[in-house]
Amino acid sequence: MPISSETHRFHITELNKLTGKTFAFFTLRTIIVHIVTYYIAGTLAYFVQWGGVYGGPAMQTYMKAPSEFAPWVIPSQILRGIILAVALYPFLGRILELKRWGWLSVSSLYLLIGTIAGSGGIIEHIVFTTTPVFFTLATIPEIVAQGLMFGYLLVLWERRSHHT
């Protein structure tokens, strides 16, 4: 599909705005949106699934004690937000250009590449760990909910920041 000259001008204008300052603000927004959606999806999953998969006695043998992982939750999610920003930033102009489909593109990239197929994702988890497959598969609704929220909120915030 050919790009109109108006769309091309928008794309070039947006690319010209992609500076170090723009990257810093995009990274900050990405980190915030990632952590907020991570906690929302995780909290919902906890209340919905705790009595089943997460709280079941079988899974407790695979889970670290909260005192062991709690200090690393925020730093690890900040790092994940930075990685997401680095991966998405080169495509920011195009994502914003996609109008109503930009958020779905971000969500798809987040879910399909990062979570499902990425290193340490669901595929590797099933193949290389002893964690029961039912536990790994039971986390998919949480992952999808967070990915959709992440894509939608990040693109919404980014669009608003480019229109002010």
N, C-alpha and C. Protein backbone atom coordinates (compact mmCIF):
# COMPACT_ATOMS: atom_id res chain seq x y z
N MET A 1 0.85 -1.17 0.00
CA MET A 1 0.00 0.00 0.00
C MET A 1 0.89 1.23 0.00
N PRO A 2 0.77 2.10 -1.00
CA PRO A 2 1.63 3.27 -1.07
C PRO A 2 1.34 4.25 0.05
N ILE A 3 2.38 4.92 0.51
CA ILE A 3 2.26 5.92 1.56
C ILE A 3 1.99 7.27 0.91
N SER A 4 0.93 7.94 1.37
CA SER A 4 0.62 9.25 0.82
C SER A 4 1.70 10.25 1.24
N SER A 5 1.78 11.36 0.51
CA SER A 5 2.79 12.36 0.85
C SER A 5 2.51 12.97 2.21
N GLU A 6 1.22 13.08 2.58
CA GLU A 6 0.88 13.62 3.90
C GLU A 6 1.34 12.67 5.00
N THR A 7 1.08 11.37 4.82
CA THR A 7 1.53 10.36 5.78
C THR A 7 3.04 10.35 5.84
N HIS A 8 3.70 10.45 4.69
CA HIS A 8 5.16 10.46 4.65
C HIS A 8 5.71 11.67 5.41
N ARG A 9 5.09 12.85 5.22
CA ARG A 9 5.54 14.04 5.95
C ARG A 9 5.37 13.85 7.45
N PHE A 10 4.22 13.27 7.87
CA PHE A 10 4.00 13.01 9.29
C PHE A 10 5.09 12.09 9.82
N HIS A 11 5.38 11.03 9.09
CA HIS A 11 6.37 10.05 9.52
C HIS A 11 7.75 10.70 9.65
N ILE A 12 8.15 11.50 8.66
CA ILE A 12 9.44 12.18 8.70
C ILE A 12 9.48 13.17 9.86
N THR A 13 8.40 13.92 10.06
CA THR A 13 8.33 14.88 11.16
C THR A 13 8.49 14.16 12.50
N GLU A 14 7.78 13.05 12.66
CA GLU A 14 7.88 12.29 13.91
C GLU A 14 9.29 11.74 14.09
N LEU A 15 9.91 11.24 13.03
CA LEU A 15 11.27 10.72 13.14
C LEU A 15 12.25 11.82 13.53
N ASN A 16 12.05 13.01 13.01
CA ASN A 16 12.93 14.12 13.35
C ASN A 16 12.82 14.51 14.82
N LYS A 17 11.68 14.22 15.44
CA LYS A 17 11.48 14.54 16.85
C LYS A 17 12.11 13.50 17.77
N LEU A 18 12.53 12.37 17.22
CA LEU A 18 13.06 11.31 18.05
C LEU A 18 14.49 11.64 18.47
N THR A 19 14.59 12.31 19.59
CA THR A 19 15.87 12.75 20.12
C THR A 19 16.18 12.01 21.42
N GLY A 20 17.30 12.34 22.01
CA GLY A 20 17.64 11.74 23.29
C GLY A 20 16.62 12.08 24.36
N LYS A 21 16.15 13.31 24.36
CA LYS A 21 15.13 13.73 25.33
C LYS A 21 13.83 12.96 25.09
N THR A 22 13.45 12.82 23.83
CA THR A 22 12.25 12.06 23.49
C THR A 22 12.40 10.61 23.96
N PHE A 23 13.58 10.04 23.72
CA PHE A 23 13.83 8.66 24.15
C PHE A 23 13.72 8.54 25.66
N ALA A 24 14.27 9.49 26.39
CA ALA A 24 14.23 9.44 27.85
C ALA A 24 12.78 9.48 28.36
N PHE A 25 11.97 10.38 27.80
CA PHE A 25 10.57 10.46 28.22
C PHE A 25 9.79 9.22 27.80
N PHE A 26 10.06 8.71 26.60
CA PHE A 26 9.41 7.48 26.14
C PHE A 26 9.78 6.32 27.06
N THR A 27 11.04 6.23 27.43
CA THR A 27 11.50 5.16 28.32
C THR A 27 10.82 5.27 29.68
N LEU A 28 10.73 6.48 30.22
CA LEU A 28 10.07 6.68 31.50
C LEU A 28 8.59 6.28 31.42
N ARG A 29 7.91 6.70 30.37
CA ARG A 29 6.50 6.32 30.19
C ARG A 29 6.37 4.80 30.04
N THR A 30 7.28 4.18 29.30
CA THR A 30 7.24 2.74 29.10
C THR A 30 7.42 2.01 30.43
N ILE A 31 8.36 2.44 31.22
CA ILE A 31 8.60 1.82 32.54
C ILE A 31 7.35 1.95 33.41
N ILE A 32 6.78 3.14 33.47
CA ILE A 32 5.61 3.37 34.32
C ILE A 32 4.43 2.52 33.86
N VAL A 33 4.14 2.55 32.56
CA VAL A 33 3.01 1.77 32.04
C VAL A 33 3.25 0.28 32.26
N HIS A 34 4.48 -0.16 32.03
CA HIS A 34 4.78 -1.58 32.23
C HIS A 34 4.54 -1.98 33.69
N ILE A 35 5.06 -1.22 34.63
CA ILE A 35 4.93 -1.58 36.05
C ILE A 35 3.47 -1.53 36.49
N VAL A 36 2.74 -0.51 36.08
CA VAL A 36 1.33 -0.39 36.46
C VAL A 36 0.52 -1.57 35.90
N THR A 37 0.70 -1.88 34.62
CA THR A 37 -0.06 -2.98 34.03
C THR A 37 0.40 -4.33 34.58
N TYR A 38 1.66 -4.45 34.89
CA TYR A 38 2.21 -5.67 35.50
C TYR A 38 1.52 -5.93 36.83
N TYR A 39 1.40 -4.89 37.65
CA TYR A 39 0.77 -5.05 38.95
C TYR A 39 -0.74 -5.27 38.85
N ILE A 40 -1.41 -4.59 37.94
CA ILE A 40 -2.85 -4.79 37.77
C ILE A 40 -3.13 -6.23 37.35
N ALA A 41 -2.45 -6.68 36.29
CA ALA A 41 -2.67 -8.05 35.80
C ALA A 41 -2.26 -9.08 36.85
N GLY A 42 -1.15 -8.85 37.52
CA GLY A 42 -0.69 -9.78 38.55
C GLY A 42 -1.63 -9.86 39.73
N THR A 43 -2.15 -8.72 40.16
CA THR A 43 -3.09 -8.70 41.28
C THR A 43 -4.38 -9.43 40.92
N LEU A 44 -4.90 -9.15 39.72
CA LEU A 44 -6.11 -9.84 39.28
C LEU A 44 -5.87 -11.35 39.19
N ALA A 45 -4.75 -11.74 38.62
CA ALA A 45 -4.43 -13.17 38.49
C ALA A 45 -4.28 -13.81 39.86
N TYR A 46 -3.67 -13.09 40.78
CA TYR A 46 -3.47 -13.62 42.13
C TYR A 46 -4.82 -13.96 42.77
N PHE A 47 -5.76 -13.02 42.69
CA PHE A 47 -7.06 -13.26 43.32
C PHE A 47 -7.89 -14.30 42.58
N VAL A 48 -7.75 -14.38 41.27
CA VAL A 48 -8.52 -15.34 40.49
C VAL A 48 -7.91 -16.74 40.59
N GLN A 49 -6.58 -16.83 40.58
CA GLN A 49 -5.93 -18.13 40.47
C GLN A 49 -5.25 -18.63 41.73
N TRP A 50 -5.18 -17.86 42.79
CA TRP A 50 -4.38 -18.27 43.94
C TRP A 50 -4.82 -19.61 44.51
N GLY A 51 -6.12 -19.81 44.67
CA GLY A 51 -6.61 -21.06 45.23
C GLY A 51 -6.38 -22.24 44.30
N GLY A 52 -6.22 -21.97 43.02
CA GLY A 52 -6.02 -23.04 42.05
C GLY A 52 -4.56 -23.28 41.77
N VAL A 53 -4.05 -22.61 40.76
CA VAL A 53 -2.70 -22.88 40.29
C VAL A 53 -1.63 -22.30 41.22
N TYR A 54 -1.66 -20.99 41.47
CA TYR A 54 -0.57 -20.37 42.23
C TYR A 54 -0.52 -20.86 43.68
N GLY A 55 -1.67 -21.04 44.30
CA GLY A 55 -1.70 -21.40 45.71
C GLY A 55 -1.71 -22.89 45.97
N GLY A 56 -1.79 -23.67 44.92
CA GLY A 56 -1.84 -25.12 45.09
C GLY A 56 -0.53 -25.66 45.64
N PRO A 57 -0.61 -26.76 46.36
CA PRO A 57 0.59 -27.33 46.98
C PRO A 57 1.65 -27.76 45.96
N ALA A 58 1.22 -28.21 44.79
CA ALA A 58 2.21 -28.64 43.78
C ALA A 58 3.07 -27.46 43.34
N MET A 59 2.45 -26.32 43.15
CA MET A 59 3.20 -25.16 42.65
C MET A 59 4.13 -24.59 43.70
N GLN A 60 3.78 -24.73 44.95
CA GLN A 60 4.62 -24.18 46.01
C GLN A 60 6.03 -24.76 46.00
N THR A 61 6.19 -25.96 45.46
CA THR A 61 7.53 -26.55 45.38
C THR A 61 8.39 -25.85 44.32
N TYR A 62 7.75 -25.11 43.41
CA TYR A 62 8.49 -24.43 42.34
C TYR A 62 8.64 -22.93 42.59
N MET A 63 7.91 -22.41 43.56
CA MET A 63 7.92 -20.96 43.81
C MET A 63 8.97 -20.62 44.86
N LYS A 64 9.66 -19.51 44.64
CA LYS A 64 10.57 -19.00 45.66
C LYS A 64 9.74 -18.36 46.76
N ALA A 65 10.32 -18.27 47.93
CA ALA A 65 9.65 -17.59 49.04
C ALA A 65 9.57 -16.09 48.71
N PRO A 66 8.46 -15.43 49.07
CA PRO A 66 8.34 -13.99 48.79
C PRO A 66 9.53 -13.18 49.31
N SER A 67 10.09 -13.54 50.45
CA SER A 67 11.23 -12.79 50.99
C SER A 67 12.45 -12.89 50.07
N GLU A 68 12.49 -13.94 49.26
CA GLU A 68 13.61 -14.14 48.35
C GLU A 68 13.47 -13.31 47.07
N PHE A 69 12.25 -13.16 46.55
CA PHE A 69 12.09 -12.44 45.28
C PHE A 69 11.57 -11.02 45.43
N ALA A 70 10.94 -10.69 46.56
CA ALA A 70 10.33 -9.36 46.72
C ALA A 70 11.29 -8.19 46.46
N PRO A 71 12.53 -8.23 46.96
CA PRO A 71 13.42 -7.09 46.73
C PRO A 71 13.77 -6.88 45.25
N TRP A 72 13.56 -7.89 44.42
CA TRP A 72 13.96 -7.81 43.02
C TRP A 72 12.80 -7.50 42.07
N VAL A 73 11.57 -7.46 42.58
CA VAL A 73 10.43 -7.26 41.69
C VAL A 73 10.49 -5.92 40.97
N ILE A 74 10.58 -4.83 41.69
CA ILE A 74 10.60 -3.50 41.05
C ILE A 74 11.84 -3.32 40.18
N PRO A 75 13.05 -3.58 40.68
CA PRO A 75 14.22 -3.41 39.80
C PRO A 75 14.14 -4.26 38.53
N SER A 76 13.64 -5.49 38.63
CA SER A 76 13.56 -6.34 37.44
C SER A 76 12.53 -5.80 36.45
N GLN A 77 11.46 -5.20 36.94
CA GLN A 77 10.44 -4.66 36.05
C GLN A 77 10.87 -3.32 35.46
N ILE A 78 11.68 -2.56 36.17
CA ILE A 78 12.27 -1.34 35.60
C ILE A 78 13.18 -1.74 34.44
N LEU A 79 14.01 -2.75 34.66
CA LEU A 79 14.89 -3.24 33.59
C LEU A 79 14.07 -3.73 32.40
N ARG A 80 13.01 -4.45 32.66
CA ARG A 80 12.15 -4.92 31.57
C ARG A 80 11.54 -3.74 30.82
N GLY A 81 11.12 -2.70 31.53
CA GLY A 81 10.58 -1.50 30.89
C GLY A 81 11.61 -0.82 30.00
N ILE A 82 12.85 -0.76 30.45
CA ILE A 82 13.93 -0.17 29.64
C ILE A 82 14.14 -1.00 28.38
N ILE A 83 14.17 -2.31 28.52
CA ILE A 83 14.35 -3.19 27.36
C ILE A 83 13.20 -3.00 26.37
N LEU A 84 11.98 -2.92 26.88
CA LEU A 84 10.82 -2.69 26.01
C LEU A 84 10.95 -1.35 25.28
N ALA A 85 11.37 -0.32 25.98
CA ALA A 85 11.52 1.00 25.35
C ALA A 85 12.58 0.97 24.26
N VAL A 86 13.70 0.33 24.51
CA VAL A 86 14.76 0.22 23.51
C VAL A 86 14.25 -0.52 22.27
N ALA A 87 13.47 -1.58 22.49
CA ALA A 87 12.95 -2.36 21.36
C ALA A 87 11.89 -1.60 20.57
N LEU A 88 11.04 -0.84 21.25
CA LEU A 88 9.93 -0.16 20.58
C LEU A 88 10.29 1.20 19.99
N TYR A 89 11.27 1.87 20.58
CA TYR A 89 11.58 3.25 20.19
C TYR A 89 11.86 3.46 18.70
N PRO A 90 12.63 2.59 18.06
CA PRO A 90 12.88 2.82 16.62
C PRO A 90 11.62 2.80 15.76
N PHE A 91 10.56 2.20 16.28
CA PHE A 91 9.30 2.07 15.52
C PHE A 91 8.24 3.05 16.00
N LEU A 92 8.59 3.94 16.89
CA LEU A 92 7.61 4.83 17.51
C LEU A 92 6.83 5.66 16.50
N GLY A 93 7.53 6.25 15.54
CA GLY A 93 6.85 7.04 14.51
C GLY A 93 5.83 6.22 13.76
N ARG A 94 6.19 5.01 13.38
CA ARG A 94 5.28 4.14 12.64
C ARG A 94 4.12 3.68 13.52
N ILE A 95 4.40 3.38 14.77
CA ILE A 95 3.34 2.96 15.70
C ILE A 95 2.30 4.06 15.85
N LEU A 96 2.76 5.29 16.01
CA LEU A 96 1.82 6.41 16.15
C LEU A 96 1.07 6.67 14.85
N GLU A 97 1.70 6.38 13.75
CA GLU A 97 1.10 6.56 12.43
C GLU A 97 -0.05 5.57 12.20
N LEU A 98 -0.03 4.44 12.87
CA LEU A 98 -1.01 3.39 12.66
C LEU A 98 -2.39 3.72 13.24
N LYS A 99 -2.54 4.88 13.81
CA LYS A 99 -3.80 5.34 14.39
C LYS A 99 -4.34 4.32 15.39
N ARG A 100 -5.53 3.79 15.12
CA ARG A 100 -6.18 2.93 16.10
C ARG A 100 -5.54 1.56 16.23
N TRP A 101 -4.66 1.17 15.33
CA TRP A 101 -4.03 -0.15 15.39
C TRP A 101 -2.64 -0.12 16.04
N GLY A 102 -2.14 1.05 16.37
CA GLY A 102 -0.81 1.15 16.97
C GLY A 102 -0.70 0.39 18.27
N TRP A 103 -1.71 0.53 19.11
CA TRP A 103 -1.67 -0.16 20.41
C TRP A 103 -1.67 -1.67 20.23
N LEU A 104 -2.41 -2.16 19.25
CA LEU A 104 -2.47 -3.60 19.03
C LEU A 104 -1.12 -4.12 18.50
N SER A 105 -0.44 -3.30 17.72
CA SER A 105 0.90 -3.67 17.26
C SER A 105 1.86 -3.79 18.43
N VAL A 106 1.80 -2.83 19.34
CA VAL A 106 2.68 -2.87 20.52
C VAL A 106 2.33 -4.10 21.36
N SER A 107 1.05 -4.32 21.59
CA SER A 107 0.63 -5.49 22.38
C SER A 107 1.08 -6.79 21.73
N SER A 108 0.92 -6.87 20.41
CA SER A 108 1.32 -8.09 19.70
C SER A 108 2.81 -8.34 19.81
N LEU A 109 3.61 -7.30 19.63
CA LEU A 109 5.06 -7.46 19.77
C LEU A 109 5.41 -7.91 21.19
N TYR A 110 4.79 -7.27 22.16
CA TYR A 110 5.04 -7.61 23.56
C TYR A 110 4.70 -9.06 23.84
N LEU A 111 3.53 -9.48 23.39
CA LEU A 111 3.06 -10.83 23.68
C LEU A 111 3.77 -11.91 22.87
N LEU A 112 3.80 -11.73 21.57
CA LEU A 112 4.28 -12.80 20.71
C LEU A 112 5.79 -12.96 20.72
N ILE A 113 6.50 -11.85 20.68
CA ILE A 113 7.95 -11.96 20.64
C ILE A 113 8.54 -12.06 22.04
N GLY A 114 8.14 -11.16 22.91
CA GLY A 114 8.74 -11.12 24.24
C GLY A 114 8.31 -12.22 25.18
N THR A 115 7.02 -12.46 25.25
CA THR A 115 6.52 -13.37 26.26
C THR A 115 6.37 -14.79 25.77
N ILE A 116 5.84 -14.97 24.61
CA ILE A 116 5.59 -16.32 24.12
C ILE A 116 6.86 -16.96 23.57
N ALA A 117 7.53 -16.29 22.66
CA ALA A 117 8.67 -16.90 21.97
C ALA A 117 10.02 -16.43 22.47
N GLY A 118 10.06 -15.35 23.21
CA GLY A 118 11.34 -14.80 23.66
C GLY A 118 12.07 -15.70 24.63
N SER A 119 13.34 -15.42 24.80
CA SER A 119 14.15 -16.19 25.74
C SER A 119 13.54 -16.08 27.13
N GLY A 120 13.30 -17.19 27.74
CA GLY A 120 12.67 -17.21 29.05
C GLY A 120 11.15 -17.12 28.95
N GLY A 121 10.62 -17.17 27.74
CA GLY A 121 9.18 -17.10 27.53
C GLY A 121 8.51 -18.44 27.74
N ILE A 122 7.25 -18.49 27.37
CA ILE A 122 6.44 -19.68 27.60
C ILE A 122 7.02 -20.91 26.92
N ILE A 123 7.47 -20.76 25.69
CA ILE A 123 7.99 -21.93 24.97
C ILE A 123 9.20 -22.51 25.70
N GLU A 124 10.16 -21.66 26.07
CA GLU A 124 11.34 -22.16 26.79
C GLU A 124 10.96 -22.72 28.15
N HIS A 125 10.01 -22.07 28.80
CA HIS A 125 9.57 -22.52 30.12
C HIS A 125 9.03 -23.95 30.06
N ILE A 126 8.22 -24.24 29.04
CA ILE A 126 7.65 -25.58 28.89
C ILE A 126 8.73 -26.59 28.53
N VAL A 127 9.64 -26.20 27.65
CA VAL A 127 10.66 -27.13 27.15
C VAL A 127 11.77 -27.38 28.17
N PHE A 128 12.24 -26.34 28.85
CA PHE A 128 13.47 -26.45 29.64
C PHE A 128 13.30 -26.51 31.15
N THR A 129 12.09 -26.33 31.67
CA THR A 129 11.96 -26.35 33.13
C THR A 129 11.11 -27.53 33.57
N THR A 130 11.15 -27.78 34.86
CA THR A 130 10.33 -28.85 35.43
C THR A 130 9.00 -28.33 35.94
N THR A 131 8.75 -27.06 35.76
CA THR A 131 7.47 -26.50 36.17
C THR A 131 6.37 -27.18 35.37
N PRO A 132 5.31 -27.62 36.03
CA PRO A 132 4.23 -28.30 35.29
C PRO A 132 3.65 -27.42 34.19
N VAL A 133 3.35 -28.03 33.06
CA VAL A 133 2.82 -27.32 31.90
C VAL A 133 1.54 -26.58 32.28
N PHE A 134 0.69 -27.18 33.14
CA PHE A 134 -0.57 -26.54 33.50
C PHE A 134 -0.33 -25.19 34.18
N PHE A 135 0.76 -25.08 34.95
CA PHE A 135 1.05 -23.80 35.59
C PHE A 135 1.45 -22.76 34.54
N THR A 136 2.32 -23.16 33.64
CA THR A 136 2.76 -22.23 32.60
C THR A 136 1.58 -21.78 31.75
N LEU A 137 0.74 -22.70 31.33
CA LEU A 137 -0.42 -22.35 30.51
C LEU A 137 -1.44 -21.52 31.28
N ALA A 138 -1.54 -21.74 32.59
CA ALA A 138 -2.49 -20.98 33.40
C ALA A 138 -2.10 -19.51 33.52
N THR A 139 -0.85 -19.19 33.23
CA THR A 139 -0.42 -17.78 33.31
C THR A 139 -0.75 -17.00 32.04
N ILE A 140 -1.17 -17.67 30.99
CA ILE A 140 -1.45 -16.98 29.72
C ILE A 140 -2.51 -15.89 29.85
N PRO A 141 -3.64 -16.10 30.54
CA PRO A 141 -4.61 -15.00 30.65
C PRO A 141 -4.01 -13.75 31.31
N GLU A 142 -3.19 -13.93 32.33
CA GLU A 142 -2.53 -12.80 32.98
C GLU A 142 -1.60 -12.08 32.02
N ILE A 143 -0.82 -12.84 31.26
CA ILE A 143 0.13 -12.28 30.32
C ILE A 143 -0.60 -11.51 29.21
N VAL A 144 -1.67 -12.09 28.69
CA VAL A 144 -2.43 -11.44 27.62
C VAL A 144 -3.08 -10.16 28.13
N ALA A 145 -3.69 -10.23 29.32
CA ALA A 145 -4.31 -9.02 29.90
C ALA A 145 -3.28 -7.91 30.06
N GLN A 146 -2.12 -8.26 30.60
CA GLN A 146 -1.10 -7.23 30.79
C GLN A 146 -0.58 -6.71 29.46
N GLY A 147 -0.37 -7.57 28.49
CA GLY A 147 0.12 -7.14 27.18
C GLY A 147 -0.85 -6.20 26.49
N LEU A 148 -2.13 -6.51 26.54
CA LEU A 148 -3.13 -5.63 25.92
C LEU A 148 -3.22 -4.29 26.63
N MET A 149 -3.22 -4.31 27.96
CA MET A 149 -3.23 -3.05 28.72
C MET A 149 -1.98 -2.23 28.42
N PHE A 150 -0.84 -2.91 28.41
CA PHE A 150 0.42 -2.22 28.15
C PHE A 150 0.41 -1.52 26.80
N GLY A 151 0.06 -2.24 25.75
CA GLY A 151 0.04 -1.65 24.41
C GLY A 151 -0.93 -0.49 24.32
N TYR A 152 -2.13 -0.67 24.84
CA TYR A 152 -3.15 0.38 24.75
C TYR A 152 -2.73 1.63 25.52
N LEU A 153 -2.33 1.46 26.77
CA LEU A 153 -2.00 2.62 27.61
C LEU A 153 -0.73 3.33 27.16
N LEU A 154 0.27 2.57 26.73
CA LEU A 154 1.51 3.19 26.26
C LEU A 154 1.26 4.04 25.02
N VAL A 155 0.55 3.50 24.04
CA VAL A 155 0.29 4.24 22.81
C VAL A 155 -0.63 5.43 23.10
N LEU A 156 -1.63 5.25 23.95
CA LEU A 156 -2.51 6.37 24.31
C LEU A 156 -1.70 7.51 24.94
N TRP A 157 -0.85 7.19 25.90
CA TRP A 157 -0.03 8.19 26.57
C TRP A 157 0.95 8.83 25.59
N GLU A 158 1.55 8.02 24.77
CA GLU A 158 2.53 8.54 23.81
C GLU A 158 1.85 9.48 22.81
N ARG A 159 0.68 9.12 22.31
CA ARG A 159 -0.05 10.00 21.39
C ARG A 159 -0.37 11.33 22.04
N ARG A 160 -0.85 11.27 23.27
CA ARG A 160 -1.19 12.51 24.00
C ARG A 160 0.05 13.38 24.20
N SER A 161 1.18 12.76 24.46
CA SER A 161 2.40 13.54 24.67
C SER A 161 2.90 14.20 23.39
N HIS A 162 2.57 13.63 22.25
CA HIS A 162 2.99 14.18 20.97
C HIS A 162 2.04 15.25 20.46
N HIS A 163 0.87 15.35 21.07
CA HIS A 163 -0.11 16.35 20.63
C HIS A 163 -0.11 17.59 21.52
N THR A 164 0.75 17.63 22.54
CA THR A 164 0.79 18.80 23.42
C THR A 164 1.94 19.69 23.07
